[in-house]
Amino acid sequence: MSTGATIVIIVAAVVVLALLGWFAWMQMRRRQLQEQFGPEYDKALEEGKDRREVERDLAERRKRHDQLDIRPLDAAARDRYSMQWERIQAQFVDDPGGAVTEADRLVTVVMRERGYPTEGYEQQLADLSVRHAAAVGHYRSAHDLTSRSERGRVSTEELREAMTHYRAMFEDLVTDVDDRAGRREHATRSENGRGDAVAHGGSGDGRRAQPTD
């Protein structure tokens, strides 16, 4: 075999290996994004977006999130906010609309104290989806119902649903005491058995948020 033919074979083999490595990396990245963002990943695809575009967007969300100073609440803050939530929930009996408005405000306050930017609703959703993918859908539903409520287009039962959605987001923010951020830490939480509890609004010790009555 000539030297030229050998070189061609070697180059071809290197190219094939590079392509296989790239494909394996893309598959691993896709699995990581699907695991981390879960329903948000599926929602973006259902909206008709190209899969590569969706994955670029989610990767950018994760990159931005890693640059934020996200921090857990201390025990005193968690207790204080939990008491505020109980007062808002009690207010619902006499003033459903006012209670929903206050629930929205409290969630925003907690977000801000955790270190999340609160300017711009769509950006809030994007930032929350990185660490709170299981709860951000509740926040989206609650916000939509609150917007309709401000126009006088919701029933008391729908306001009750909004409170339930707000509570899911509130509990996820308040009980998330692990201050590590990003996909790598998400994987670690899953391995040590706490990932599911945190992602679904638990405290990491098996307790779960109860829906609003």
N, C-alpha and C. Protein backbone atom coordinates (compact mmCIF):
# COMPACT_ATOMS: atom_id res chain seq x y z
N MET A 1 0.85 -1.20 0.00
CA MET A 1 0.00 0.00 0.00
C MET A 1 0.89 1.24 0.00
N SER A 2 0.54 2.19 -0.83
CA SER A 2 1.35 3.40 -0.95
C SER A 2 1.20 4.28 0.29
N THR A 3 2.19 5.16 0.46
CA THR A 3 2.15 6.08 1.59
C THR A 3 0.92 6.97 1.52
N GLY A 4 0.59 7.41 0.31
CA GLY A 4 -0.58 8.28 0.14
C GLY A 4 -1.86 7.59 0.55
N ALA A 5 -2.01 6.32 0.19
CA ALA A 5 -3.22 5.58 0.55
C ALA A 5 -3.31 5.39 2.06
N THR A 6 -2.16 5.13 2.68
CA THR A 6 -2.13 4.96 4.14
C THR A 6 -2.57 6.24 4.84
N ILE A 7 -2.07 7.37 4.34
CA ILE A 7 -2.44 8.65 4.93
C ILE A 7 -3.95 8.89 4.81
N VAL A 8 -4.50 8.57 3.64
CA VAL A 8 -5.94 8.75 3.43
C VAL A 8 -6.74 7.91 4.41
N ILE A 9 -6.31 6.66 4.60
CA ILE A 9 -7.02 5.77 5.53
C ILE A 9 -6.95 6.30 6.96
N ILE A 10 -5.77 6.77 7.34
CA ILE A 10 -5.60 7.30 8.69
C ILE A 10 -6.48 8.53 8.91
N VAL A 11 -6.46 9.43 7.93
CA VAL A 11 -7.28 10.64 8.04
C VAL A 11 -8.76 10.28 8.12
N ALA A 12 -9.19 9.34 7.29
CA ALA A 12 -10.59 8.91 7.29
C ALA A 12 -10.97 8.33 8.65
N ALA A 13 -10.05 7.52 9.22
CA ALA A 13 -10.31 6.91 10.52
C ALA A 13 -10.43 7.96 11.61
N VAL A 14 -9.54 8.98 11.56
CA VAL A 14 -9.60 10.06 12.53
C VAL A 14 -10.91 10.82 12.42
N VAL A 15 -11.33 11.08 11.18
CA VAL A 15 -12.59 11.80 10.96
C VAL A 15 -13.78 11.01 11.51
N VAL A 16 -13.78 9.70 11.24
CA VAL A 16 -14.87 8.84 11.73
C VAL A 16 -14.90 8.84 13.26
N LEU A 17 -13.72 8.71 13.88
CA LEU A 17 -13.66 8.71 15.34
C LEU A 17 -14.13 10.04 15.91
N ALA A 18 -13.75 11.13 15.24
CA ALA A 18 -14.17 12.45 15.69
C ALA A 18 -15.69 12.59 15.60
N LEU A 19 -16.26 12.10 14.52
CA LEU A 19 -17.71 12.18 14.34
C LEU A 19 -18.44 11.32 15.39
N LEU A 20 -17.88 10.14 15.64
CA LEU A 20 -18.48 9.27 16.66
C LEU A 20 -18.41 9.93 18.04
N GLY A 21 -17.26 10.55 18.33
CA GLY A 21 -17.12 11.25 19.61
C GLY A 21 -18.09 12.40 19.72
N TRP A 22 -18.26 13.15 18.65
CA TRP A 22 -19.19 14.28 18.65
C TRP A 22 -20.62 13.80 18.85
N PHE A 23 -20.97 12.70 18.14
CA PHE A 23 -22.32 12.16 18.26
C PHE A 23 -22.58 11.67 19.69
N ALA A 24 -21.60 11.00 20.29
CA ALA A 24 -21.76 10.51 21.66
C ALA A 24 -21.92 11.67 22.63
N TRP A 25 -21.15 12.75 22.39
CA TRP A 25 -21.24 13.93 23.26
C TRP A 25 -22.62 14.58 23.13
N MET A 26 -23.13 14.67 21.92
CA MET A 26 -24.44 15.26 21.70
C MET A 26 -25.53 14.44 22.37
N GLN A 27 -25.42 13.12 22.30
CA GLN A 27 -26.41 12.26 22.95
C GLN A 27 -26.36 12.40 24.45
N MET A 28 -25.14 12.47 25.01
CA MET A 28 -25.01 12.64 26.45
C MET A 28 -25.57 13.99 26.88
N ARG A 29 -25.27 15.03 26.12
CA ARG A 29 -25.77 16.37 26.42
C ARG A 29 -27.30 16.40 26.36
N ARG A 30 -27.84 15.71 25.37
CA ARG A 30 -29.31 15.66 25.24
C ARG A 30 -29.94 14.98 26.43
N ARG A 31 -29.37 13.87 26.87
CA ARG A 31 -29.91 13.16 28.03
C ARG A 31 -29.84 14.03 29.28
N GLN A 32 -28.74 14.74 29.44
CA GLN A 32 -28.60 15.61 30.60
C GLN A 32 -29.66 16.71 30.60
N LEU A 33 -29.88 17.32 29.45
CA LEU A 33 -30.88 18.38 29.36
C LEU A 33 -32.28 17.84 29.59
N GLN A 34 -32.57 16.67 29.02
CA GLN A 34 -33.88 16.07 29.22
C GLN A 34 -34.13 15.74 30.69
N GLU A 35 -33.08 15.24 31.36
CA GLU A 35 -33.22 14.89 32.78
C GLU A 35 -33.37 16.14 33.63
N GLN A 36 -32.58 17.16 33.34
CA GLN A 36 -32.60 18.36 34.17
C GLN A 36 -33.87 19.17 33.97
N PHE A 37 -34.27 19.38 32.72
CA PHE A 37 -35.39 20.28 32.44
C PHE A 37 -36.72 19.56 32.31
N GLY A 38 -36.70 18.26 32.10
CA GLY A 38 -37.92 17.47 32.10
C GLY A 38 -39.08 18.08 31.32
N PRO A 39 -40.14 18.50 32.02
CA PRO A 39 -41.33 19.03 31.34
C PRO A 39 -41.06 20.28 30.52
N GLU A 40 -40.06 21.08 30.88
CA GLU A 40 -39.74 22.27 30.10
C GLU A 40 -39.14 21.89 28.76
N TYR A 41 -38.35 20.85 28.73
CA TYR A 41 -37.79 20.34 27.48
C TYR A 41 -38.92 19.87 26.56
N ASP A 42 -39.83 19.09 27.12
CA ASP A 42 -40.95 18.56 26.33
C ASP A 42 -41.86 19.68 25.86
N LYS A 43 -42.09 20.65 26.71
CA LYS A 43 -42.98 21.76 26.35
C LYS A 43 -42.43 22.54 25.16
N ALA A 44 -41.12 22.79 25.17
CA ALA A 44 -40.52 23.53 24.06
C ALA A 44 -40.67 22.76 22.75
N LEU A 45 -40.52 21.45 22.80
CA LEU A 45 -40.69 20.64 21.58
C LEU A 45 -42.14 20.66 21.11
N GLU A 46 -43.06 20.61 22.07
CA GLU A 46 -44.49 20.63 21.72
C GLU A 46 -44.89 21.94 21.06
N GLU A 47 -44.15 23.00 21.35
CA GLU A 47 -44.44 24.30 20.74
C GLU A 47 -43.93 24.38 19.30
N GLY A 48 -43.33 23.28 18.82
CA GLY A 48 -42.90 23.22 17.43
C GLY A 48 -41.49 23.71 17.18
N LYS A 49 -40.73 23.91 18.24
CA LYS A 49 -39.36 24.39 18.06
C LYS A 49 -38.46 23.24 17.62
N ASP A 50 -37.42 23.57 16.87
CA ASP A 50 -36.44 22.59 16.45
C ASP A 50 -35.67 22.08 17.67
N ARG A 51 -35.39 20.77 17.69
CA ARG A 51 -34.74 20.17 18.85
C ARG A 51 -33.39 20.83 19.15
N ARG A 52 -32.61 21.11 18.11
CA ARG A 52 -31.30 21.74 18.34
C ARG A 52 -31.47 23.15 18.91
N GLU A 53 -32.48 23.85 18.42
CA GLU A 53 -32.75 25.19 18.95
C GLU A 53 -33.15 25.11 20.42
N VAL A 54 -33.99 24.14 20.74
CA VAL A 54 -34.42 23.95 22.12
C VAL A 54 -33.22 23.68 23.01
N GLU A 55 -32.35 22.79 22.58
CA GLU A 55 -31.20 22.42 23.40
C GLU A 55 -30.21 23.57 23.54
N ARG A 56 -30.05 24.38 22.50
CA ARG A 56 -29.19 25.56 22.62
C ARG A 56 -29.76 26.53 23.65
N ASP A 57 -31.08 26.71 23.60
CA ASP A 57 -31.73 27.63 24.54
C ASP A 57 -31.58 27.14 25.97
N LEU A 58 -31.80 25.85 26.20
CA LEU A 58 -31.70 25.30 27.55
C LEU A 58 -30.27 25.36 28.06
N ALA A 59 -29.31 25.11 27.18
CA ALA A 59 -27.91 25.20 27.58
C ALA A 59 -27.55 26.63 27.96
N GLU A 60 -28.11 27.60 27.24
CA GLU A 60 -27.87 29.01 27.56
C GLU A 60 -28.51 29.37 28.90
N ARG A 61 -29.68 28.81 29.18
CA ARG A 61 -30.31 29.04 30.49
C ARG A 61 -29.40 28.54 31.61
N ARG A 62 -28.85 27.35 31.40
CA ARG A 62 -27.99 26.77 32.42
C ARG A 62 -26.73 27.60 32.61
N LYS A 63 -26.17 28.07 31.51
CA LYS A 63 -24.96 28.90 31.59
C LYS A 63 -25.25 30.19 32.36
N ARG A 64 -26.39 30.83 32.06
CA ARG A 64 -26.76 32.06 32.76
C ARG A 64 -26.98 31.78 34.24
N HIS A 65 -27.65 30.68 34.54
CA HIS A 65 -27.96 30.33 35.92
C HIS A 65 -26.68 30.14 36.73
N ASP A 66 -25.68 29.52 36.12
CA ASP A 66 -24.41 29.29 36.81
C ASP A 66 -23.73 30.60 37.21
N GLN A 67 -24.08 31.68 36.54
CA GLN A 67 -23.47 32.98 36.82
C GLN A 67 -24.25 33.76 37.88
N LEU A 68 -25.45 33.27 38.23
CA LEU A 68 -26.25 33.94 39.25
C LEU A 68 -25.79 33.54 40.64
N ASP A 69 -25.99 34.41 41.58
CA ASP A 69 -25.63 34.13 42.97
C ASP A 69 -26.85 33.56 43.69
N ILE A 70 -27.19 32.32 43.36
CA ILE A 70 -28.35 31.67 43.97
C ILE A 70 -27.94 31.12 45.33
N ARG A 71 -28.73 31.44 46.34
CA ARG A 71 -28.39 31.04 47.70
C ARG A 71 -29.65 30.52 48.41
N PRO A 72 -29.45 29.63 49.36
CA PRO A 72 -30.61 29.09 50.10
C PRO A 72 -31.08 30.09 51.15
N LEU A 73 -32.31 29.91 51.59
CA LEU A 73 -32.81 30.70 52.71
C LEU A 73 -32.32 30.08 54.01
N ASP A 74 -32.06 30.93 54.99
CA ASP A 74 -31.71 30.37 56.29
C ASP A 74 -33.00 29.94 57.00
N ALA A 75 -32.85 29.25 58.10
CA ALA A 75 -34.01 28.69 58.80
C ALA A 75 -35.00 29.76 59.23
N ALA A 76 -34.48 30.91 59.69
CA ALA A 76 -35.36 31.98 60.15
C ALA A 76 -36.19 32.53 58.99
N ALA A 77 -35.57 32.69 57.84
CA ALA A 77 -36.30 33.20 56.67
C ALA A 77 -37.35 32.19 56.21
N ARG A 78 -37.00 30.91 56.23
CA ARG A 78 -37.97 29.88 55.82
C ARG A 78 -39.19 29.92 56.74
N ASP A 79 -38.95 30.03 58.04
CA ASP A 79 -40.07 30.08 58.99
C ASP A 79 -40.90 31.34 58.78
N ARG A 80 -40.24 32.46 58.56
CA ARG A 80 -40.95 33.73 58.37
C ARG A 80 -41.84 33.68 57.13
N TYR A 81 -41.29 33.18 56.04
CA TYR A 81 -42.07 33.12 54.82
C TYR A 81 -43.20 32.09 54.91
N SER A 82 -42.95 31.01 55.61
CA SER A 82 -44.00 30.01 55.79
C SER A 82 -45.17 30.58 56.58
N MET A 83 -44.88 31.39 57.58
CA MET A 83 -45.95 32.04 58.35
C MET A 83 -46.71 33.03 57.47
N GLN A 84 -46.00 33.76 56.63
CA GLN A 84 -46.67 34.68 55.72
C GLN A 84 -47.59 33.92 54.77
N TRP A 85 -47.12 32.76 54.29
CA TRP A 85 -47.96 31.98 53.39
C TRP A 85 -49.24 31.51 54.10
N GLU A 86 -49.10 31.08 55.34
CA GLU A 86 -50.27 30.64 56.09
C GLU A 86 -51.29 31.76 56.24
N ARG A 87 -50.83 32.98 56.47
CA ARG A 87 -51.75 34.12 56.58
C ARG A 87 -52.44 34.38 55.25
N ILE A 88 -51.69 34.28 54.16
CA ILE A 88 -52.28 34.50 52.84
C ILE A 88 -53.31 33.42 52.53
N GLN A 89 -53.00 32.20 52.88
CA GLN A 89 -53.94 31.11 52.63
C GLN A 89 -55.22 31.30 53.43
N ALA A 90 -55.10 31.78 54.67
CA ALA A 90 -56.28 32.04 55.49
C ALA A 90 -57.09 33.19 54.89
N GLN A 91 -56.42 34.15 54.29
CA GLN A 91 -57.09 35.30 53.68
C GLN A 91 -57.97 34.87 52.52
N PHE A 92 -57.65 33.74 51.90
CA PHE A 92 -58.38 33.30 50.71
C PHE A 92 -59.87 33.12 50.99
N VAL A 93 -60.22 32.72 52.21
CA VAL A 93 -61.63 32.46 52.55
C VAL A 93 -62.49 33.70 52.32
N ASP A 94 -62.01 34.86 52.75
CA ASP A 94 -62.78 36.09 52.64
C ASP A 94 -62.44 36.93 51.41
N ASP A 95 -61.22 36.75 50.89
CA ASP A 95 -60.78 37.59 49.77
C ASP A 95 -59.92 36.77 48.81
N PRO A 96 -60.55 35.92 47.99
CA PRO A 96 -59.78 35.05 47.10
C PRO A 96 -58.86 35.81 46.15
N GLY A 97 -59.40 36.87 45.54
CA GLY A 97 -58.58 37.63 44.60
C GLY A 97 -57.39 38.29 45.26
N GLY A 98 -57.62 38.87 46.43
CA GLY A 98 -56.53 39.50 47.15
C GLY A 98 -55.48 38.50 47.60
N ALA A 99 -55.93 37.32 48.00
CA ALA A 99 -54.99 36.29 48.44
C ALA A 99 -54.10 35.83 47.30
N VAL A 100 -54.68 35.68 46.12
CA VAL A 100 -53.89 35.27 44.95
C VAL A 100 -52.85 36.34 44.61
N THR A 101 -53.25 37.59 44.68
CA THR A 101 -52.31 38.69 44.42
C THR A 101 -51.17 38.67 45.42
N GLU A 102 -51.49 38.44 46.69
CA GLU A 102 -50.47 38.39 47.72
C GLU A 102 -49.57 37.17 47.55
N ALA A 103 -50.14 36.05 47.09
CA ALA A 103 -49.33 34.85 46.85
C ALA A 103 -48.31 35.11 45.75
N ASP A 104 -48.74 35.80 44.70
CA ASP A 104 -47.83 36.15 43.61
C ASP A 104 -46.71 37.04 44.12
N ARG A 105 -47.08 38.00 44.95
CA ARG A 105 -46.08 38.93 45.50
C ARG A 105 -45.07 38.19 46.38
N LEU A 106 -45.57 37.27 47.21
CA LEU A 106 -44.68 36.56 48.11
C LEU A 106 -43.70 35.67 47.35
N VAL A 107 -44.18 35.00 46.34
CA VAL A 107 -43.27 34.17 45.52
C VAL A 107 -42.16 35.03 44.91
N THR A 108 -42.53 36.21 44.44
CA THR A 108 -41.53 37.11 43.87
C THR A 108 -40.51 37.56 44.91
N VAL A 109 -40.99 37.85 46.12
CA VAL A 109 -40.09 38.25 47.21
C VAL A 109 -39.10 37.14 47.53
N VAL A 110 -39.59 35.91 47.60
CA VAL A 110 -38.72 34.78 47.91
C VAL A 110 -37.70 34.57 46.79
N MET A 111 -38.15 34.69 45.56
CA MET A 111 -37.24 34.58 44.43
C MET A 111 -36.11 35.58 44.55
N ARG A 112 -36.47 36.82 44.87
CA ARG A 112 -35.47 37.88 44.96
C ARG A 112 -34.46 37.59 46.07
N GLU A 113 -34.97 37.12 47.22
CA GLU A 113 -34.05 36.83 48.32
C GLU A 113 -33.15 35.65 48.00
N ARG A 114 -33.65 34.70 47.20
CA ARG A 114 -32.81 33.57 46.81
C ARG A 114 -31.72 33.98 45.83
N GLY A 115 -31.88 35.16 45.20
CA GLY A 115 -30.88 35.64 44.25
C GLY A 115 -31.32 35.62 42.81
N TYR A 116 -32.61 35.32 42.56
CA TYR A 116 -33.12 35.31 41.19
C TYR A 116 -33.52 36.71 40.76
N PRO A 117 -33.12 37.15 39.57
CA PRO A 117 -33.62 38.42 39.05
C PRO A 117 -35.13 38.32 38.88
N THR A 118 -35.85 39.39 39.19
CA THR A 118 -37.31 39.35 39.12
C THR A 118 -37.88 40.35 38.12
N GLU A 119 -37.02 40.89 37.27
CA GLU A 119 -37.49 41.82 36.25
C GLU A 119 -37.73 41.04 34.95
N GLY A 120 -38.99 40.97 34.54
CA GLY A 120 -39.30 40.29 33.29
C GLY A 120 -39.79 38.88 33.54
N TYR A 121 -41.08 38.66 33.29
CA TYR A 121 -41.71 37.38 33.58
C TYR A 121 -41.06 36.23 32.81
N GLU A 122 -40.83 36.40 31.51
CA GLU A 122 -40.27 35.32 30.72
C GLU A 122 -38.87 34.94 31.21
N GLN A 123 -38.09 35.94 31.61
CA GLN A 123 -36.76 35.65 32.13
C GLN A 123 -36.85 34.93 33.47
N GLN A 124 -37.85 35.27 34.27
CA GLN A 124 -38.06 34.56 35.53
C GLN A 124 -38.28 33.08 35.26
N LEU A 125 -39.15 32.79 34.29
CA LEU A 125 -39.43 31.39 33.95
C LEU A 125 -38.16 30.68 33.51
N ALA A 126 -37.38 31.34 32.66
CA ALA A 126 -36.16 30.72 32.16
C ALA A 126 -35.17 30.43 33.29
N ASP A 127 -35.00 31.39 34.19
CA ASP A 127 -34.05 31.21 35.29
C ASP A 127 -34.53 30.13 36.26
N LEU A 128 -35.81 30.14 36.58
CA LEU A 128 -36.34 29.15 37.52
C LEU A 128 -36.29 27.74 36.96
N SER A 129 -36.44 27.62 35.64
CA SER A 129 -36.52 26.29 35.03
C SER A 129 -35.24 25.48 35.19
N VAL A 130 -34.11 26.14 35.42
CA VAL A 130 -32.84 25.42 35.55
C VAL A 130 -32.81 24.58 36.82
N ARG A 131 -33.29 25.14 37.89
CA ARG A 131 -33.20 24.47 39.20
C ARG A 131 -34.55 23.98 39.69
N HIS A 132 -35.63 24.53 39.16
CA HIS A 132 -36.98 24.22 39.65
C HIS A 132 -37.88 23.79 38.49
N ALA A 133 -37.35 22.92 37.64
CA ALA A 133 -38.09 22.53 36.43
C ALA A 133 -39.44 21.89 36.75
N ALA A 134 -39.51 21.15 37.85
CA ALA A 134 -40.77 20.47 38.19
C ALA A 134 -41.83 21.43 38.69
N ALA A 135 -41.43 22.60 39.16
CA ALA A 135 -42.38 23.55 39.76
C ALA A 135 -42.67 24.74 38.86
N VAL A 136 -41.81 25.02 37.90
CA VAL A 136 -41.98 26.25 37.12
C VAL A 136 -43.26 26.22 36.29
N GLY A 137 -43.72 25.03 35.93
CA GLY A 137 -45.00 24.93 35.22
C GLY A 137 -46.16 25.40 36.08
N HIS A 138 -46.07 25.14 37.39
CA HIS A 138 -47.08 25.64 38.32
C HIS A 138 -47.06 27.17 38.35
N TYR A 139 -45.86 27.72 38.35
CA TYR A 139 -45.75 29.18 38.38
C TYR A 139 -46.35 29.79 37.12
N ARG A 140 -46.11 29.15 36.00
CA ARG A 140 -46.66 29.64 34.73
C ARG A 140 -48.19 29.61 34.76
N SER A 141 -48.76 28.50 35.24
CA SER A 141 -50.22 28.37 35.33
C SER A 141 -50.81 29.39 36.29
N ALA A 142 -50.14 29.58 37.44
CA ALA A 142 -50.63 30.55 38.43
C ALA A 142 -50.61 31.96 37.86
N HIS A 143 -49.53 32.29 37.17
CA HIS A 143 -49.41 33.63 36.59
C HIS A 143 -50.50 33.88 35.55
N ASP A 144 -50.78 32.88 34.73
CA ASP A 144 -51.82 33.03 33.71
C ASP A 144 -53.19 33.25 34.35
N LEU A 145 -53.49 32.50 35.41
CA LEU A 145 -54.76 32.67 36.10
C LEU A 145 -54.84 34.03 36.79
N THR A 146 -53.72 34.48 37.35
CA THR A 146 -53.70 35.80 37.99
C THR A 146 -53.94 36.91 36.97
N SER A 147 -53.35 36.78 35.81
CA SER A 147 -53.56 37.79 34.75
C SER A 147 -55.02 37.84 34.34
N ARG A 148 -55.65 36.67 34.23
CA ARG A 148 -57.07 36.63 33.88
C ARG A 148 -57.92 37.19 35.01
N SER A 149 -57.49 36.93 36.25
CA SER A 149 -58.23 37.44 37.41
C SER A 149 -58.26 38.96 37.41
N GLU A 150 -57.16 39.57 37.03
CA GLU A 150 -57.09 41.04 37.00
C GLU A 150 -58.05 41.63 35.97
N ARG A 151 -58.45 40.80 35.02
CA ARG A 151 -59.44 41.24 34.03
C ARG A 151 -60.84 40.75 34.39
N GLY A 152 -60.97 40.13 35.57
CA GLY A 152 -62.27 39.67 36.04
C GLY A 152 -62.82 38.50 35.28
N ARG A 153 -61.94 37.59 34.85
CA ARG A 153 -62.39 36.49 33.99
C ARG A 153 -62.16 35.11 34.60
N VAL A 154 -62.09 35.02 35.92
CA VAL A 154 -61.88 33.72 36.54
C VAL A 154 -62.90 33.50 37.66
N SER A 155 -63.18 32.24 37.92
CA SER A 155 -64.10 31.87 39.00
C SER A 155 -63.32 31.68 40.30
N THR A 156 -64.06 31.53 41.38
CA THR A 156 -63.42 31.28 42.67
C THR A 156 -62.64 29.97 42.63
N GLU A 157 -63.19 28.99 41.94
CA GLU A 157 -62.49 27.71 41.84
C GLU A 157 -61.16 27.86 41.08
N GLU A 158 -61.16 28.69 40.06
CA GLU A 158 -59.92 28.93 39.32
C GLU A 158 -58.91 29.68 40.18
N LEU A 159 -59.40 30.59 41.03
CA LEU A 159 -58.50 31.27 41.96
C LEU A 159 -57.91 30.27 42.96
N ARG A 160 -58.72 29.29 43.34
CA ARG A 160 -58.21 28.25 44.24
C ARG A 160 -57.10 27.45 43.54
N GLU A 161 -57.29 27.19 42.26
CA GLU A 161 -56.25 26.50 41.49
C GLU A 161 -54.97 27.33 41.43
N ALA A 162 -55.15 28.64 41.27
CA ALA A 162 -53.98 29.52 41.23
C ALA A 162 -53.21 29.44 42.54
N MET A 163 -53.93 29.42 43.66
CA MET A 163 -53.28 29.31 44.96
C MET A 163 -52.49 28.00 45.07
N THR A 164 -53.09 26.92 44.57
CA THR A 164 -52.41 25.63 44.61
C THR A 164 -51.12 25.67 43.79
N HIS A 165 -51.19 26.29 42.62
CA HIS A 165 -50.00 26.42 41.77
C HIS A 165 -48.93 27.30 42.43
N TYR A 166 -49.37 28.41 43.01
CA TYR A 166 -48.41 29.28 43.68
C TYR A 166 -47.74 28.55 44.85
N ARG A 167 -48.53 27.75 45.55
CA ARG A 167 -47.96 27.04 46.70
C ARG A 167 -46.87 26.06 46.24
N ALA A 168 -47.11 25.38 45.12
CA ALA A 168 -46.11 24.45 44.62
C ALA A 168 -44.79 25.16 44.33
N MET A 169 -44.88 26.34 43.71
CA MET A 169 -43.67 27.10 43.41
C MET A 169 -43.04 27.64 44.70
N PHE A 170 -43.88 28.14 45.58
CA PHE A 170 -43.40 28.68 46.86
C PHE A 170 -42.66 27.61 47.67
N GLU A 171 -43.27 26.44 47.80
CA GLU A 171 -42.65 25.36 48.58
C GLU A 171 -41.31 24.95 47.97
N ASP A 172 -41.26 24.89 46.65
CA ASP A 172 -40.02 24.47 45.99
C ASP A 172 -38.90 25.47 46.25
N LEU A 173 -39.24 26.75 46.26
CA LEU A 173 -38.24 27.78 46.53
C LEU A 173 -37.80 27.79 47.99
N VAL A 174 -38.75 27.66 48.89
CA VAL A 174 -38.46 27.79 50.31
C VAL A 174 -37.74 26.56 50.86
N THR A 175 -38.13 25.38 50.43
CA THR A 175 -37.56 24.16 51.00
C THR A 175 -36.28 23.72 50.31
N ASP A 176 -35.88 24.40 49.24
CA ASP A 176 -34.65 24.08 48.53
C ASP A 176 -33.48 24.67 49.31
N VAL A 177 -32.90 23.89 50.21
CA VAL A 177 -31.86 24.42 51.10
C VAL A 177 -30.45 24.10 50.59
N ASP A 178 -30.34 23.32 49.52
CA ASP A 178 -29.02 23.00 48.97
C ASP A 178 -28.61 24.13 48.04
N ASP A 179 -27.52 24.85 48.33
CA ASP A 179 -27.15 26.02 47.56
C ASP A 179 -26.28 25.71 46.36
N ARG A 180 -26.08 24.44 46.04
CA ARG A 180 -25.33 24.12 44.83
C ARG A 180 -26.23 24.32 43.62
N ALA A 181 -25.68 24.79 42.52
CA ALA A 181 -26.50 25.11 41.35
C ALA A 181 -25.97 24.39 40.13
N GLY A 182 -26.88 24.19 39.16
CA GLY A 182 -26.44 23.69 37.86
C GLY A 182 -26.65 22.20 37.70
N ARG A 183 -26.39 21.73 36.51
CA ARG A 183 -26.65 20.34 36.15
C ARG A 183 -25.78 19.35 36.93
N ARG A 184 -24.51 19.67 37.15
CA ARG A 184 -23.62 18.75 37.84
C ARG A 184 -24.13 18.48 39.25
N GLU A 185 -24.60 19.53 39.94
CA GLU A 185 -25.11 19.37 41.29
C GLU A 185 -26.45 18.63 41.28
N HIS A 186 -27.24 18.87 40.23
CA HIS A 186 -28.51 18.15 40.10
C HIS A 186 -28.26 16.65 40.06
N ALA A 187 -27.24 16.25 39.32
CA ALA A 187 -26.91 14.83 39.24
C ALA A 187 -26.47 14.29 40.59
N THR A 188 -25.71 15.07 41.33
CA THR A 188 -25.25 14.65 42.64
C THR A 188 -26.43 14.45 43.59
N ARG A 189 -27.39 15.37 43.56
CA ARG A 189 -28.56 15.25 44.42
C ARG A 189 -29.34 13.98 44.09
N SER A 190 -29.43 13.64 42.80
CA SER A 190 -30.14 12.44 42.40
C SER A 190 -29.44 11.21 42.96
N GLU A 191 -28.11 11.21 42.91
CA GLU A 191 -27.34 10.07 43.37
C GLU A 191 -27.48 9.86 44.87
N ASN A 192 -27.55 10.95 45.63
CA ASN A 192 -27.61 10.77 47.08
C ASN A 192 -29.04 10.66 47.60
N GLY A 193 -30.02 10.58 46.66
CA GLY A 193 -31.38 10.28 47.06
C GLY A 193 -32.24 11.46 47.39
N ARG A 194 -31.69 12.67 47.24
CA ARG A 194 -32.48 13.84 47.61
C ARG A 194 -33.06 14.55 46.40
N GLY A 195 -32.63 14.17 45.21
CA GLY A 195 -33.04 14.91 44.02
C GLY A 195 -34.53 14.98 43.83
N ASP A 196 -35.23 13.82 43.99
CA ASP A 196 -36.67 13.82 43.76
C ASP A 196 -37.40 14.68 44.76
N ALA A 197 -36.97 14.65 46.02
CA ALA A 197 -37.66 15.44 47.05
C ALA A 197 -37.54 16.91 46.76
N VAL A 198 -36.34 17.37 46.37
CA VAL A 198 -36.15 18.79 46.10
C VAL A 198 -36.90 19.22 44.85
N ALA A 199 -36.81 18.39 43.79
CA ALA A 199 -37.42 18.77 42.52
C ALA A 199 -38.92 18.88 42.60
N HIS A 200 -39.55 18.12 43.55
CA HIS A 200 -41.01 18.14 43.63
C HIS A 200 -41.52 18.93 44.82
N GLY A 201 -40.70 19.81 45.34
CA GLY A 201 -41.18 20.70 46.39
C GLY A 201 -41.04 20.13 47.78
N GLY A 202 -40.24 19.03 47.95
CA GLY A 202 -40.04 18.48 49.27
C GLY A 202 -38.88 19.16 49.96
N SER A 203 -38.68 18.79 51.21
CA SER A 203 -37.63 19.40 52.00
C SER A 203 -36.37 18.58 52.01
N GLY A 204 -36.37 17.41 51.32
CA GLY A 204 -35.21 16.56 51.35
C GLY A 204 -35.28 15.52 52.45
N ASP A 205 -36.31 15.59 53.33
CA ASP A 205 -36.45 14.61 54.40
C ASP A 205 -37.73 13.82 54.26
N GLY A 206 -38.31 13.84 53.06
CA GLY A 206 -39.49 13.05 52.80
C GLY A 206 -40.79 13.81 52.91
N ARG A 207 -40.75 15.04 53.42
CA ARG A 207 -41.98 15.80 53.56
C ARG A 207 -42.36 16.43 52.22
N ARG A 208 -43.63 16.50 51.93
CA ARG A 208 -44.12 17.05 50.68
C ARG A 208 -45.08 18.17 50.97
N ALA A 209 -45.14 19.14 50.06
CA ALA A 209 -46.09 20.24 50.20
C ALA A 209 -47.49 19.71 50.02
N GLN A 210 -48.44 20.19 50.83
CA GLN A 210 -49.84 19.80 50.72
C GLN A 210 -50.58 20.83 49.90
N PRO A 211 -51.48 20.40 48.99
CA PRO A 211 -52.24 21.36 48.18
C PRO A 211 -53.18 22.18 49.02
N THR A 212 -53.48 23.36 48.51
CA THR A 212 -54.44 24.23 49.20
C THR A 212 -55.81 23.60 49.21
N ASP A 213 -56.48 23.65 50.32
CA ASP A 213 -57.85 23.10 50.41
C ASP A 213 -58.80 23.93 49.57
